[in-house]
Amino acid sequence: MGKSRDGLALLELIGPPANLTSATIVAGIPNDSPKAVLLNSVYIAGLMKAVAPGWNESVTWLTDNVPRAIADGEATTTQGNLHISLKVIKALGMVSLNISSS
């Protein structure tokens, strides 16, 4: 487990480093701090790239599915043996990304 310096992003990694079974980031999207929103977006995209390095379109998927997650609460996909879930919790001003292996 870890957190960003400002405490607005929390990371949980489960499993041995060479074979993670789950990676989750939960990040705040505060209305009053565009800098925090941008930085947390970078953290989320960075986690996606680190956990699914072979998926070249991972950041494109994230960008394309943020509106769906905002509207529906969640957007999901499967890439190989990875299940990806992007959730937006508007009432709490938070977004989470979970990547788990099946």
N, C-alpha and C. Protein backbone atom coordinates (compact mmCIF):
# COMPACT_ATOMS: atom_id res chain seq x y z
N MET A 1 0.85 -1.17 0.00
CA MET A 1 0.00 0.00 0.00
C MET A 1 0.90 1.23 0.00
N GLY A 2 0.38 2.26 -0.65
CA GLY A 2 1.11 3.52 -0.68
C GLY A 2 0.16 4.65 -0.99
N LYS A 3 0.67 5.88 -0.83
CA LYS A 3 -0.14 7.04 -1.13
C LYS A 3 0.73 8.13 -1.72
N SER A 4 0.08 9.04 -2.43
CA SER A 4 0.80 10.16 -3.01
C SER A 4 1.19 11.14 -1.90
N ARG A 5 2.07 12.06 -2.21
CA ARG A 5 2.52 13.03 -1.21
C ARG A 5 1.37 13.84 -0.63
N ASP A 6 0.41 14.20 -1.49
CA ASP A 6 -0.71 15.01 -1.02
C ASP A 6 -1.82 14.17 -0.39
N GLY A 7 -1.69 12.85 -0.42
CA GLY A 7 -2.66 11.96 0.18
C GLY A 7 -3.94 11.79 -0.61
N LEU A 8 -4.00 12.36 -1.83
CA LEU A 8 -5.22 12.26 -2.64
C LEU A 8 -5.25 11.03 -3.54
N ALA A 9 -4.19 10.24 -3.56
CA ALA A 9 -4.17 9.01 -4.35
C ALA A 9 -3.62 7.89 -3.47
N LEU A 10 -4.33 6.77 -3.46
CA LEU A 10 -3.92 5.60 -2.69
C LEU A 10 -3.74 4.42 -3.63
N LEU A 11 -2.69 3.65 -3.41
CA LEU A 11 -2.36 2.52 -4.27
C LEU A 11 -2.28 1.26 -3.44
N GLU A 12 -2.86 0.18 -3.97
CA GLU A 12 -2.76 -1.13 -3.33
C GLU A 12 -2.32 -2.14 -4.38
N LEU A 13 -1.25 -2.85 -4.10
CA LEU A 13 -0.75 -3.91 -4.97
C LEU A 13 -0.83 -5.22 -4.20
N ILE A 14 -1.40 -6.24 -4.82
CA ILE A 14 -1.55 -7.54 -4.16
C ILE A 14 -0.82 -8.59 -4.99
N GLY A 15 0.00 -9.37 -4.32
CA GLY A 15 0.76 -10.42 -4.98
C GLY A 15 2.23 -10.09 -5.06
N PRO A 16 3.03 -11.08 -5.46
CA PRO A 16 4.46 -10.83 -5.59
C PRO A 16 4.73 -9.86 -6.76
N PRO A 17 5.79 -9.06 -6.67
CA PRO A 17 6.06 -8.05 -7.70
C PRO A 17 6.08 -8.58 -9.14
N ALA A 18 6.59 -9.77 -9.32
CA ALA A 18 6.68 -10.33 -10.68
C ALA A 18 5.36 -10.93 -11.16
N ASN A 19 4.38 -11.07 -10.26
CA ASN A 19 3.13 -11.73 -10.63
C ASN A 19 1.97 -11.16 -9.81
N LEU A 20 1.68 -9.88 -9.96
CA LEU A 20 0.60 -9.25 -9.22
C LEU A 20 -0.74 -9.90 -9.56
N THR A 21 -1.59 -10.04 -8.57
CA THR A 21 -2.93 -10.55 -8.83
C THR A 21 -3.94 -9.40 -8.90
N SER A 22 -3.58 -8.26 -8.28
CA SER A 22 -4.48 -7.11 -8.30
C SER A 22 -3.70 -5.83 -8.04
N ALA A 23 -4.10 -4.79 -8.74
CA ALA A 23 -3.55 -3.45 -8.52
C ALA A 23 -4.72 -2.48 -8.55
N THR A 24 -4.81 -1.65 -7.52
CA THR A 24 -5.92 -0.70 -7.42
C THR A 24 -5.38 0.66 -7.04
N ILE A 25 -5.87 1.68 -7.71
CA ILE A 25 -5.58 3.05 -7.32
C ILE A 25 -6.92 3.76 -7.13
N VAL A 26 -7.01 4.49 -6.04
CA VAL A 26 -8.18 5.31 -5.74
C VAL A 26 -7.66 6.73 -5.62
N ALA A 27 -8.26 7.65 -6.38
CA ALA A 27 -7.75 9.01 -6.42
C ALA A 27 -8.88 10.02 -6.32
N GLY A 28 -8.58 11.09 -5.61
CA GLY A 28 -9.54 12.18 -5.49
C GLY A 28 -9.55 13.02 -6.75
N ILE A 29 -10.71 13.56 -7.07
CA ILE A 29 -10.84 14.49 -8.19
C ILE A 29 -11.50 15.77 -7.66
N PRO A 30 -10.71 16.53 -6.88
CA PRO A 30 -11.27 17.72 -6.24
C PRO A 30 -11.61 18.82 -7.25
N ASN A 31 -12.77 19.44 -7.05
CA ASN A 31 -13.21 20.52 -7.94
C ASN A 31 -12.33 21.75 -7.85
N ASP A 32 -11.67 21.94 -6.73
CA ASP A 32 -10.91 23.16 -6.49
C ASP A 32 -9.41 23.04 -6.76
N SER A 33 -8.97 21.92 -7.36
CA SER A 33 -7.54 21.75 -7.61
C SER A 33 -7.28 21.04 -8.94
N PRO A 34 -7.26 21.81 -10.04
CA PRO A 34 -6.95 21.20 -11.35
C PRO A 34 -5.59 20.49 -11.35
N LYS A 35 -4.64 21.02 -10.59
CA LYS A 35 -3.32 20.39 -10.53
C LYS A 35 -3.42 18.99 -9.93
N ALA A 36 -4.20 18.82 -8.87
CA ALA A 36 -4.38 17.50 -8.25
C ALA A 36 -5.08 16.54 -9.20
N VAL A 37 -6.07 17.03 -9.92
CA VAL A 37 -6.78 16.18 -10.89
C VAL A 37 -5.82 15.71 -11.97
N LEU A 38 -4.99 16.61 -12.49
CA LEU A 38 -4.02 16.26 -13.54
C LEU A 38 -3.01 15.25 -13.00
N LEU A 39 -2.47 15.51 -11.82
CA LEU A 39 -1.48 14.61 -11.25
C LEU A 39 -2.08 13.22 -10.99
N ASN A 40 -3.29 13.17 -10.47
CA ASN A 40 -3.93 11.88 -10.23
C ASN A 40 -4.22 11.15 -11.53
N SER A 41 -4.53 11.90 -12.58
CA SER A 41 -4.73 11.28 -13.91
C SER A 41 -3.44 10.63 -14.39
N VAL A 42 -2.33 11.28 -14.15
CA VAL A 42 -1.02 10.72 -14.52
C VAL A 42 -0.75 9.45 -13.72
N TYR A 43 -1.06 9.46 -12.42
CA TYR A 43 -0.88 8.25 -11.61
C TYR A 43 -1.72 7.09 -12.14
N ILE A 44 -2.97 7.37 -12.49
CA ILE A 44 -3.87 6.33 -12.98
C ILE A 44 -3.35 5.75 -14.30
N ALA A 45 -2.98 6.64 -15.23
CA ALA A 45 -2.44 6.18 -16.52
C ALA A 45 -1.14 5.43 -16.31
N GLY A 46 -0.31 5.89 -15.39
CA GLY A 46 0.96 5.21 -15.10
C GLY A 46 0.76 3.80 -14.56
N LEU A 47 -0.24 3.64 -13.69
CA LEU A 47 -0.53 2.30 -13.18
C LEU A 47 -0.98 1.39 -14.32
N MET A 48 -1.84 1.90 -15.17
CA MET A 48 -2.32 1.10 -16.31
C MET A 48 -1.14 0.64 -17.17
N LYS A 49 -0.24 1.56 -17.48
CA LYS A 49 0.92 1.21 -18.33
C LYS A 49 1.84 0.21 -17.63
N ALA A 50 2.01 0.37 -16.31
CA ALA A 50 2.92 -0.51 -15.58
C ALA A 50 2.36 -1.93 -15.43
N VAL A 51 1.05 -2.04 -15.22
CA VAL A 51 0.45 -3.35 -14.96
C VAL A 51 0.06 -4.06 -16.26
N ALA A 52 -0.23 -3.29 -17.31
CA ALA A 52 -0.60 -3.88 -18.61
C ALA A 52 0.32 -3.34 -19.69
N PRO A 53 1.64 -3.61 -19.58
CA PRO A 53 2.60 -2.99 -20.51
C PRO A 53 2.43 -3.42 -21.97
N GLY A 54 1.86 -4.58 -22.20
CA GLY A 54 1.68 -5.05 -23.57
C GLY A 54 0.46 -4.48 -24.27
N TRP A 55 -0.38 -3.78 -23.54
CA TRP A 55 -1.61 -3.22 -24.10
C TRP A 55 -1.34 -1.79 -24.52
N ASN A 56 -1.01 -1.61 -25.79
CA ASN A 56 -0.62 -0.29 -26.31
C ASN A 56 -1.74 0.73 -26.25
N GLU A 57 -2.98 0.30 -26.26
CA GLU A 57 -4.12 1.22 -26.27
C GLU A 57 -4.72 1.45 -24.88
N SER A 58 -3.99 1.10 -23.83
CA SER A 58 -4.55 1.19 -22.49
C SER A 58 -4.94 2.61 -22.10
N VAL A 59 -4.09 3.58 -22.37
CA VAL A 59 -4.40 4.97 -22.01
C VAL A 59 -5.53 5.51 -22.88
N THR A 60 -5.58 5.09 -24.13
CA THR A 60 -6.68 5.48 -25.01
C THR A 60 -7.99 4.93 -24.45
N TRP A 61 -7.98 3.66 -24.00
CA TRP A 61 -9.18 3.09 -23.40
C TRP A 61 -9.61 3.90 -22.19
N LEU A 62 -8.66 4.25 -21.34
CA LEU A 62 -8.99 5.06 -20.17
C LEU A 62 -9.65 6.37 -20.58
N THR A 63 -9.03 7.09 -21.48
CA THR A 63 -9.54 8.39 -21.93
C THR A 63 -10.93 8.25 -22.54
N ASP A 64 -11.10 7.25 -23.38
CA ASP A 64 -12.39 7.04 -24.05
C ASP A 64 -13.50 6.62 -23.08
N ASN A 65 -13.13 5.97 -21.97
CA ASN A 65 -14.15 5.41 -21.07
C ASN A 65 -14.42 6.23 -19.82
N VAL A 66 -13.72 7.31 -19.62
CA VAL A 66 -14.03 8.18 -18.49
C VAL A 66 -15.46 8.69 -18.58
N PRO A 67 -15.93 9.17 -19.75
CA PRO A 67 -17.33 9.61 -19.82
C PRO A 67 -18.33 8.51 -19.48
N ARG A 68 -18.07 7.28 -19.90
CA ARG A 68 -18.96 6.15 -19.57
C ARG A 68 -18.96 5.90 -18.07
N ALA A 69 -17.78 5.94 -17.47
CA ALA A 69 -17.70 5.71 -16.03
C ALA A 69 -18.39 6.83 -15.25
N ILE A 70 -18.31 8.06 -15.76
CA ILE A 70 -19.02 9.17 -15.11
C ILE A 70 -20.52 8.96 -15.23
N ALA A 71 -20.99 8.60 -16.41
CA ALA A 71 -22.43 8.43 -16.65
C ALA A 71 -23.00 7.20 -15.95
N ASP A 72 -22.29 6.07 -16.04
CA ASP A 72 -22.82 4.79 -15.55
C ASP A 72 -22.25 4.36 -14.20
N GLY A 73 -21.21 5.04 -13.75
CA GLY A 73 -20.55 4.66 -12.51
C GLY A 73 -19.36 3.74 -12.71
N GLU A 74 -19.35 3.02 -13.86
CA GLU A 74 -18.27 2.06 -14.08
C GLU A 74 -18.12 1.76 -15.58
N ALA A 75 -16.88 1.52 -15.98
CA ALA A 75 -16.57 1.02 -17.31
C ALA A 75 -15.60 -0.14 -17.12
N THR A 76 -15.82 -1.24 -17.83
CA THR A 76 -14.97 -2.41 -17.67
C THR A 76 -14.54 -2.96 -19.02
N THR A 77 -13.46 -3.71 -18.99
CA THR A 77 -13.00 -4.42 -20.17
C THR A 77 -12.10 -5.56 -19.71
N THR A 78 -11.81 -6.44 -20.63
CA THR A 78 -10.87 -7.53 -20.40
C THR A 78 -9.81 -7.47 -21.48
N GLN A 79 -8.57 -7.61 -21.06
CA GLN A 79 -7.43 -7.64 -21.98
C GLN A 79 -6.59 -8.84 -21.63
N GLY A 80 -6.65 -9.87 -22.47
CA GLY A 80 -5.95 -11.11 -22.13
C GLY A 80 -6.51 -11.68 -20.84
N ASN A 81 -5.63 -11.87 -19.84
CA ASN A 81 -6.10 -12.41 -18.55
C ASN A 81 -6.36 -11.29 -17.53
N LEU A 82 -6.39 -10.05 -17.98
CA LEU A 82 -6.62 -8.92 -17.07
C LEU A 82 -8.05 -8.41 -17.17
N HIS A 83 -8.66 -8.20 -16.01
CA HIS A 83 -9.97 -7.57 -15.94
C HIS A 83 -9.73 -6.15 -15.42
N ILE A 84 -10.19 -5.16 -16.19
CA ILE A 84 -9.97 -3.75 -15.86
C ILE A 84 -11.31 -3.10 -15.54
N SER A 85 -11.35 -2.39 -14.41
CA SER A 85 -12.57 -1.72 -13.98
C SER A 85 -12.23 -0.28 -13.59
N LEU A 86 -12.89 0.66 -14.24
CA LEU A 86 -12.74 2.08 -13.95
C LEU A 86 -14.05 2.55 -13.34
N LYS A 87 -13.99 3.07 -12.12
CA LYS A 87 -15.20 3.53 -11.43
C LYS A 87 -15.07 5.00 -11.07
N VAL A 88 -16.17 5.72 -11.21
CA VAL A 88 -16.23 7.12 -10.78
C VAL A 88 -17.33 7.21 -9.73
N ILE A 89 -16.94 7.71 -8.57
CA ILE A 89 -17.89 7.88 -7.46
C ILE A 89 -18.07 9.38 -7.29
N LYS A 90 -19.03 9.93 -8.04
CA LYS A 90 -19.22 11.38 -8.08
C LYS A 90 -19.51 11.96 -6.70
N ALA A 91 -20.32 11.29 -5.91
CA ALA A 91 -20.70 11.81 -4.60
C ALA A 91 -19.49 12.01 -3.68
N LEU A 92 -18.45 11.21 -3.89
CA LEU A 92 -17.24 11.30 -3.07
C LEU A 92 -16.12 12.05 -3.77
N GLY A 93 -16.32 12.38 -5.05
CA GLY A 93 -15.27 13.04 -5.81
C GLY A 93 -14.05 12.15 -5.97
N MET A 94 -14.29 10.86 -6.32
CA MET A 94 -13.20 9.90 -6.43
C MET A 94 -13.34 9.06 -7.68
N VAL A 95 -12.20 8.58 -8.13
CA VAL A 95 -12.14 7.64 -9.24
C VAL A 95 -11.25 6.47 -8.79
N SER A 96 -11.60 5.27 -9.24
CA SER A 96 -10.75 4.12 -8.92
C SER A 96 -10.52 3.29 -10.18
N LEU A 97 -9.36 2.74 -10.25
CA LEU A 97 -8.98 1.83 -11.32
C LEU A 97 -8.50 0.55 -10.67
N ASN A 98 -9.11 -0.58 -11.03
CA ASN A 98 -8.68 -1.86 -10.54
C ASN A 98 -8.32 -2.73 -11.73
N ILE A 99 -7.15 -3.36 -11.64
CA ILE A 99 -6.70 -4.30 -12.66
C ILE A 99 -6.39 -5.60 -11.93
N SER A 100 -7.09 -6.66 -12.29
CA SER A 100 -6.86 -7.94 -11.62
C SER A 100 -6.69 -9.03 -12.66
N SER A 101 -5.90 -10.02 -12.32
CA SER A 101 -5.70 -11.15 -13.22
C SER A 101 -6.69 -12.25 -12.89
N SER A 102 -7.09 -12.96 -13.95
CA SER A 102 -8.07 -14.03 -13.73
C SER A 102 -7.37 -15.37 -13.61
